[in-house]
């Protein structure tokens, strides 16, 4: 029990290697403990070892196929692995249980955008915004990307500005606004936003 508690503490303290090592020791004698297995998989995922994390989430989902948390976690792995078609299937199953989960709605929209399904992505980003993600700058970034694909420059600029207003310290959002201005043939404004992105990036 002490090992399980300490492993969980290391996970929360973002000491992922120590969390994994400690939970491995606990699981040697309690191999079926679901909470410890989830925490270990979470530590692997946050450490960047998404393949091993995915293997554990797969096993957990096989054992409990209707557990919404495992659907979401495995979808997160598939997104990191650039396996969006599989992620979409998992997210749709998850949203069948938690229809208003904002992060899941956002990730579903982002997957559709990556797959080039622009109209579906637009509707999905709009749905994500309605369901509690309106203040998420990446929702507006996604809508801006969709608008730019359609060469709707004014709409793309407006959405990119909303994204930047909500995430003023994000260099990627400042750079994106510069890119949209450049595509709209407004180079002076583009240059200003690219300069800001450089200053935010710090290198």
Protein backbone atom coordinates (compact mmCIF):
# COMPACT_ATOMS: atom_id res chain seq x y z
CA UNK A 1 0.00 0.00 0.00
CA UNK A 2 2.85 2.37 0.79
CA UNK A 3 4.46 1.68 -2.58
CA UNK A 4 1.17 2.43 -4.36
CA UNK A 5 0.77 5.72 -2.48
CA UNK A 6 4.38 6.76 -3.08
CA UNK A 7 4.11 5.89 -6.78
CA UNK A 8 0.99 8.03 -7.05
CA UNK A 9 2.80 10.89 -5.29
CA UNK A 10 5.71 10.66 -7.75
CA UNK A 11 3.22 10.79 -10.65
CA UNK A 12 1.57 13.93 -9.26
CA UNK A 13 5.01 15.45 -8.63
CA UNK A 14 5.88 14.72 -12.29
CA UNK A 15 8.76 12.42 -11.32
CA UNK A 16 7.71 9.88 -13.90
CA UNK A 17 10.69 7.50 -13.83
CA UNK A 18 10.41 7.15 -10.04
CA UNK A 19 6.65 6.67 -10.33
CA UNK A 20 7.10 3.85 -12.86
CA UNK A 21 9.81 2.11 -10.82
CA UNK A 22 7.80 2.32 -7.59
CA UNK A 23 4.57 1.14 -9.17
CA UNK A 24 6.42 -1.73 -10.86
CA UNK A 25 7.50 -2.92 -7.41
CA UNK A 26 3.94 -2.70 -6.14
CA UNK A 27 2.56 -4.56 -9.17
CA UNK A 28 5.00 -7.44 -8.63
CA UNK A 29 2.83 -8.53 -5.71
CA UNK A 30 -0.48 -6.94 -6.79
CA UNK A 31 -0.52 -7.44 -10.59
CA UNK A 32 -4.27 -6.99 -10.90
CA UNK A 33 -4.54 -3.64 -9.15
CA UNK A 34 -6.28 -1.46 -11.74
CA UNK A 35 -5.54 1.88 -10.09
CA UNK A 36 -1.81 1.20 -9.97
CA UNK A 37 -1.81 -0.03 -13.57
CA UNK A 38 -3.58 3.14 -14.70
CA UNK A 39 -1.17 5.35 -12.78
CA UNK A 40 1.80 3.49 -14.26
CA UNK A 41 0.39 3.87 -17.78
CA UNK A 42 -0.26 7.56 -17.13
CA UNK A 43 3.34 8.01 -15.99
CA UNK A 44 4.61 6.28 -19.14
CA UNK A 45 2.39 8.49 -21.30
CA UNK A 46 3.46 11.72 -19.65
CA UNK A 47 7.10 10.65 -19.83
CA UNK A 48 6.67 10.29 -23.60
CA UNK A 49 6.76 6.49 -23.75
CA UNK A 50 3.44 6.39 -25.57
CA UNK A 51 3.87 2.92 -27.09
CA UNK A 52 4.23 1.20 -23.72
CA UNK A 53 1.45 3.33 -22.27
CA UNK A 54 -0.77 2.32 -25.17
CA UNK A 55 -0.10 -1.37 -24.60
CA UNK A 56 -1.27 -1.08 -21.00
CA UNK A 57 -4.35 0.97 -21.92
CA UNK A 58 -5.19 -1.69 -24.54
CA UNK A 59 -5.03 -4.42 -21.91
CA UNK A 60 -7.17 -2.39 -19.51
CA UNK A 61 -9.74 -1.71 -22.22
CA UNK A 62 -9.89 -5.39 -23.18
CA UNK A 63 -10.68 -6.21 -19.56
CA UNK A 64 -13.22 -3.39 -19.15
CA UNK A 65 -14.40 -2.45 -22.68
CA UNK A 66 -17.05 0.00 -21.47
CA UNK A 67 -14.79 2.00 -19.16
CA UNK A 68 -14.87 5.52 -20.58
CA UNK A 69 -11.56 6.55 -19.00
CA UNK A 70 -9.69 3.80 -20.86
CA UNK A 71 -11.30 4.79 -24.17
CA UNK A 72 -10.13 8.38 -23.71
CA UNK A 73 -6.64 7.40 -22.58
CA UNK A 74 -6.09 5.05 -25.51
CA UNK A 75 -7.43 7.70 -27.91
CA UNK A 76 -4.83 10.12 -26.50
CA UNK A 77 -2.12 7.57 -27.29
CA UNK A 78 -3.38 7.06 -30.84
CA UNK A 79 -3.31 10.83 -31.42
CA UNK A 80 0.32 10.96 -30.27
CA UNK A 81 1.05 8.06 -32.63
CA UNK A 82 -0.58 9.92 -35.56
CA UNK A 83 -3.22 7.20 -35.82
CA UNK A 84 -6.21 9.51 -36.10
CA UNK A 85 -8.67 7.07 -37.70
CA UNK A 86 -8.33 4.78 -34.66
CA UNK A 87 -8.44 7.74 -32.28
CA UNK A 88 -11.71 8.91 -33.85
CA UNK A 89 -13.35 5.52 -33.29
CA UNK A 90 -12.30 5.57 -29.64
CA UNK A 91 -13.38 9.18 -29.14
CA UNK A 92 -16.77 8.49 -30.68
CA UNK A 93 -17.26 5.60 -28.27
CA UNK A 94 -16.15 7.81 -25.38
CA UNK A 95 -18.45 10.67 -26.42
CA UNK A 96 -21.31 8.21 -26.57
CA UNK A 97 -20.89 8.02 -22.80
CA UNK A 98 -19.74 11.59 -22.06
CA UNK A 99 -21.24 13.67 -24.85
CA UNK A 100 -20.22 17.06 -23.42
CA UNK A 101 -16.60 16.33 -22.61
CA UNK A 102 -14.84 19.42 -23.98
CA UNK A 103 -11.30 18.05 -24.39
CA UNK A 104 -12.57 14.95 -26.19
CA UNK A 105 -14.65 17.11 -28.53
CA UNK A 106 -11.60 19.26 -29.26
CA UNK A 107 -9.33 16.28 -29.98
CA UNK A 108 -11.98 14.77 -32.24
CA UNK A 109 -12.14 18.02 -34.24
CA UNK A 110 -8.36 18.19 -34.47
CA UNK A 111 -8.20 14.62 -35.78
CA UNK A 112 -10.76 15.43 -38.47
CA UNK A 113 -8.70 18.44 -39.49
CA UNK A 114 -5.52 16.36 -39.70
CA UNK A 115 -7.36 13.89 -41.94
CA UNK A 116 -8.43 16.69 -44.29
CA UNK A 117 -12.14 16.39 -43.47
CA UNK A 118 -12.55 20.16 -43.30
CA UNK A 119 -16.32 20.59 -43.16
CA UNK A 120 -16.61 17.90 -40.51
CA UNK A 121 -13.74 19.51 -38.61
CA UNK A 122 -15.40 22.92 -38.71
CA UNK A 123 -18.63 21.52 -37.29
CA UNK A 124 -16.68 19.61 -34.66
CA UNK A 125 -14.68 22.66 -33.55
CA UNK A 126 -17.90 24.67 -33.33
CA UNK A 127 -19.46 21.92 -31.24
CA UNK A 128 -16.41 21.87 -28.97
CA UNK A 129 -16.72 25.63 -28.49
CA UNK A 130 -20.39 25.35 -27.56
CA UNK A 131 -19.68 22.53 -25.09
CA UNK A 132 -17.42 24.50 -22.77
CA UNK A 133 -14.30 24.98 -24.89
CA UNK A 134 -15.13 28.53 -26.06
CA UNK A 135 -12.20 29.92 -24.06
CA UNK A 136 -9.79 27.30 -25.41
CA UNK A 137 -7.52 29.19 -27.87
CA UNK A 138 -6.83 26.00 -29.83
CA UNK A 139 -10.49 25.72 -30.81
CA UNK A 140 -10.25 29.12 -32.52
CA UNK A 141 -6.88 28.14 -33.99
CA UNK A 142 -8.55 25.09 -35.50
CA UNK A 143 -11.39 27.15 -36.92
CA UNK A 144 -8.85 29.55 -38.39
CA UNK A 145 -7.01 26.68 -40.06
CA UNK A 146 -10.26 25.43 -41.60
CA UNK A 147 -11.15 28.93 -42.84
CA UNK A 148 -7.73 29.40 -44.40
CA UNK A 149 -8.10 26.12 -46.28
CA UNK A 150 -11.24 27.61 -47.83
CA UNK A 151 -9.36 30.89 -48.54
CA UNK A 152 -11.82 32.73 -46.30
CA UNK A 153 -9.09 35.13 -45.22
CA UNK A 154 -11.18 37.55 -43.13
CA UNK A 155 -12.71 34.68 -41.16
CA UNK A 156 -9.30 33.03 -40.75
CA UNK A 157 -7.83 36.31 -39.41
CA UNK A 158 -10.73 36.88 -37.03
CA UNK A 159 -10.47 33.39 -35.57
CA UNK A 160 -6.66 33.57 -35.35
CA UNK A 161 -6.95 36.87 -33.46
CA UNK A 162 -9.41 35.29 -31.00
CA UNK A 163 -6.98 32.41 -30.50
CA UNK A 164 -4.10 34.81 -29.87
CA UNK A 165 -6.18 36.91 -27.46
CA UNK A 166 -6.99 33.79 -25.44
CA UNK A 167 -3.41 32.47 -25.58
CA UNK A 168 -1.22 35.58 -25.68
CA UNK A 169 1.90 33.76 -24.45
CA UNK A 170 1.72 30.97 -27.05
CA UNK A 171 4.34 31.55 -29.79
CA UNK A 172 2.60 29.12 -32.15
CA UNK A 173 -0.58 31.22 -32.07
CA UNK A 174 1.31 34.45 -32.77
CA UNK A 175 3.16 32.74 -35.62
CA UNK A 176 -0.10 31.41 -37.02
CA UNK A 177 -1.67 34.87 -37.03
CA UNK A 178 1.39 36.08 -38.93
CA UNK A 179 0.97 33.23 -41.42
CA UNK A 180 -2.68 34.09 -41.99
CA UNK A 181 -1.83 37.75 -42.60
CA UNK A 182 0.89 36.68 -45.03
CA UNK A 183 -1.53 34.42 -46.94
CA UNK A 184 -3.95 37.33 -47.05
CA UNK A 185 -1.18 39.43 -48.65
CA UNK A 186 -0.80 41.75 -45.67
CA UNK A 187 2.98 41.41 -45.15
CA UNK A 188 3.53 44.30 -42.73
CA UNK A 189 1.06 42.83 -40.21
CA UNK A 190 2.46 39.37 -40.86
CA UNK A 191 5.96 40.53 -40.04
CA UNK A 192 4.84 42.11 -36.78
CA UNK A 193 3.23 38.88 -35.57
CA UNK A 194 6.18 36.75 -36.65
CA UNK A 195 8.44 39.10 -34.69
CA UNK A 196 6.21 38.62 -31.67
CA UNK A 197 6.34 34.84 -32.09
CA UNK A 198 10.16 34.99 -32.15
CA UNK A 199 10.22 37.10 -28.98
CA UNK A 200 7.84 34.69 -27.22
CA UNK A 201 9.85 31.67 -28.31
CA UNK A 202 13.03 33.14 -26.87
CA UNK A 203 15.49 31.49 -29.26
